[in-house]
Amino acid sequence: MSRAAKLTLGATSLFAATTILLVHFQQKAEQAAMHDGVIRDLEQQRVKRERQLDFDMQRELEAEYKRHQTVHNSTSEADANPPAPR
């Protein structure tokens, strides 16, 4: 084989190997990024569920407090029950 043929073979082999390695690393990086997206989505869903549970608990507490603590309008109560004369 001539020297030019050996250089061409070496250069093309090196180029092909480098291309394969770069594509491999790029695929691994994309796979990791997609996995991070899944983890981020799961975390967002978990936070959303926690917030919904907190909201539901607050709504139940509010309903319970409204049942136990009735609030009367002071003006209508005063009109309905005028003080007795002394």
C-alpha atoms as a PDB file:
ATOM      1  CA  MET A   1       0.000   0.000   0.000  1.00  0.00           C
ATOM      2  CA  SER A   2       1.231   3.436  -0.786  1.00  0.00           C
ATOM      3  CA  ARG A   3       1.801   6.064   1.811  1.00  0.00           C
ATOM      4  CA  ALA A   4      -1.124   8.204   0.550  1.00  0.00           C
ATOM      5  CA  ALA A   5      -3.485   5.227   0.743  1.00  0.00           C
ATOM      6  CA  LYS A   6      -2.383   4.477   4.312  1.00  0.00           C
ATOM      7  CA  LEU A   7      -2.920   8.114   5.338  1.00  0.00           C
ATOM      8  CA  THR A   8      -6.336   8.182   3.679  1.00  0.00           C
ATOM      9  CA  LEU A   9      -7.351   4.913   5.353  1.00  0.00           C
ATOM     10  CA  GLY A  10      -6.103   6.154   8.738  1.00  0.00           C
ATOM     11  CA  ALA A  11      -7.814   9.529   8.379  1.00  0.00           C
ATOM     12  CA  THR A  12     -11.160   8.058   7.323  1.00  0.00           C
ATOM     13  CA  SER A  13     -10.985   5.427  10.086  1.00  0.00           C
ATOM     14  CA  LEU A  14     -10.232   8.111  12.670  1.00  0.00           C
ATOM     15  CA  PHE A  15     -13.043  10.296  11.330  1.00  0.00           C
ATOM     16  CA  ALA A  16     -15.523   7.389  11.425  1.00  0.00           C
ATOM     17  CA  ALA A  17     -14.516   6.387  14.976  1.00  0.00           C
ATOM     18  CA  THR A  18     -14.751  10.003  16.169  1.00  0.00           C
ATOM     19  CA  THR A  19     -18.175  10.397  14.552  1.00  0.00           C
ATOM     20  CA  ILE A  20     -19.443   7.198  16.182  1.00  0.00           C
ATOM     21  CA  LEU A  21     -18.167   8.286  19.605  1.00  0.00           C
ATOM     22  CA  LEU A  22     -19.676  11.761  19.299  1.00  0.00           C
ATOM     23  CA  VAL A  23     -23.064  10.347  18.259  1.00  0.00           C
ATOM     24  CA  HIS A  24     -22.917   7.885  21.160  1.00  0.00           C
ATOM     25  CA  PHE A  25     -22.195  10.650  23.696  1.00  0.00           C
ATOM     26  CA  GLN A  26     -24.893  12.862  22.176  1.00  0.00           C
ATOM     27  CA  GLN A  27     -27.458  10.064  22.505  1.00  0.00           C
ATOM     28  CA  LYS A  28     -26.460   9.487  26.134  1.00  0.00           C
ATOM     29  CA  ALA A  29     -26.819  13.221  26.850  1.00  0.00           C
ATOM     30  CA  GLU A  30     -30.266  13.331  25.207  1.00  0.00           C
ATOM     31  CA  GLN A  31     -31.352  10.243  27.134  1.00  0.00           C
ATOM     32  CA  ALA A  32     -30.219  11.836  30.410  1.00  0.00           C
ATOM     33  CA  ALA A  33     -32.064  15.057  29.539  1.00  0.00           C
ATOM     34  CA  MET A  34     -35.260  13.122  28.787  1.00  0.00           C
ATOM     35  CA  HIS A  35     -34.912  11.225  32.065  1.00  0.00           C
ATOM     36  CA  ASP A  36     -34.461  14.520  33.937  1.00  0.00           C
ATOM     37  CA  GLY A  37     -37.656  15.767  32.284  1.00  0.00           C
ATOM     38  CA  VAL A  38     -39.560  12.734  33.542  1.00  0.00           C
ATOM     39  CA  ILE A  39     -38.214  13.251  37.058  1.00  0.00           C
ATOM     40  CA  ARG A  40     -39.160  16.940  36.899  1.00  0.00           C
ATOM     41  CA  ASP A  41     -42.692  16.062  35.738  1.00  0.00           C
ATOM     42  CA  LEU A  42     -43.115  13.540  38.552  1.00  0.00           C
ATOM     43  CA  GLU A  43     -41.950  16.137  41.081  1.00  0.00           C
ATOM     44  CA  GLN A  44     -44.405  18.701  39.693  1.00  0.00           C
ATOM     45  CA  GLN A  45     -47.239  16.176  39.936  1.00  0.00           C
ATOM     46  CA  ARG A  46     -46.258  15.374  43.535  1.00  0.00           C
ATOM     47  CA  VAL A  47     -46.237  19.065  44.478  1.00  0.00           C
ATOM     48  CA  LYS A  48     -49.598  19.569  42.748  1.00  0.00           C
ATOM     49  CA  ARG A  49     -51.110  16.643  44.686  1.00  0.00           C
ATOM     50  CA  GLU A  50     -49.742  18.032  47.968  1.00  0.00           C
ATOM     51  CA  ARG A  51     -51.185  21.466  47.233  1.00  0.00           C
ATOM     52  CA  GLN A  52     -54.559  19.945  46.344  1.00  0.00           C
ATOM     53  CA  LEU A  53     -54.579  17.935  49.582  1.00  0.00           C
ATOM     54  CA  ASP A  54     -53.707  21.076  51.569  1.00  0.00           C
ATOM     55  CA  PHE A  55     -56.469  22.981  49.783  1.00  0.00           C
ATOM     56  CA  ASP A  56     -58.998  20.225  50.513  1.00  0.00           C
ATOM     57  CA  MET A  57     -57.959  20.124  54.167  1.00  0.00           C
ATOM     58  CA  GLN A  58     -58.313  23.904  54.456  1.00  0.00           C
ATOM     59  CA  ARG A  59     -61.764  23.723  52.845  1.00  0.00           C
ATOM     60  CA  GLU A  60     -62.838  21.033  55.335  1.00  0.00           C
ATOM     61  CA  LEU A  61     -61.494  23.075  58.252  1.00  0.00           C
ATOM     62  CA  GLU A  62     -63.303  26.158  56.996  1.00  0.00           C
ATOM     63  CA  ALA A  63     -66.572  24.236  56.757  1.00  0.00           C
ATOM     64  CA  GLU A  64     -66.081  22.826  60.253  1.00  0.00           C
ATOM     65  CA  TYR A  65     -65.298  26.266  61.690  1.00  0.00           C
ATOM     66  CA  LYS A  66     -68.371  27.721  60.010  1.00  0.00           C
ATOM     67  CA  ARG A  67     -70.518  25.009  61.600  1.00  0.00           C
ATOM     68  CA  HIS A  68     -69.120  25.665  65.083  1.00  0.00           C
ATOM     69  CA  GLN A  69     -68.671  29.425  64.959  1.00  0.00           C
ATOM     70  CA  THR A  70     -71.710  31.275  63.753  1.00  0.00           C
ATOM     71  CA  VAL A  71     -71.159  34.930  63.050  1.00  0.00           C
ATOM     72  CA  HIS A  72     -74.074  37.295  63.599  1.00  0.00           C
ATOM     73  CA  ASN A  73     -74.465  40.713  62.127  1.00  0.00           C
ATOM     74  CA  SER A  74     -74.355  43.113  65.080  1.00  0.00           C
ATOM     75  CA  THR A  75     -76.838  45.631  63.612  1.00  0.00           C
ATOM     76  CA  SER A  76     -79.541  43.105  62.780  1.00  0.00           C
ATOM     77  CA  GLU A  77     -79.108  41.434  66.180  1.00  0.00           C
ATOM     78  CA  ALA A  78     -79.490  44.767  67.968  1.00  0.00           C
ATOM     79  CA  ASP A  79     -82.671  45.543  66.022  1.00  0.00           C
ATOM     80  CA  ALA A  80     -84.153  42.130  66.731  1.00  0.00           C
ATOM     81  CA  ASN A  81     -83.441  42.197  70.486  1.00  0.00           C
ATOM     82  CA  PRO A  82     -83.745  45.769  71.768  1.00  0.00           C
ATOM     83  CA  PRO A  83     -82.598  46.224  75.356  1.00  0.00           C
ATOM     84  CA  ALA A  84     -85.310  46.017  77.959  1.00  0.00           C
ATOM     85  CA  PRO A  85     -86.157  49.325  79.671  1.00  0.00           C
ATOM     86  CA  ARG A  86     -85.147  49.572  83.314  1.00  0.00           C
END
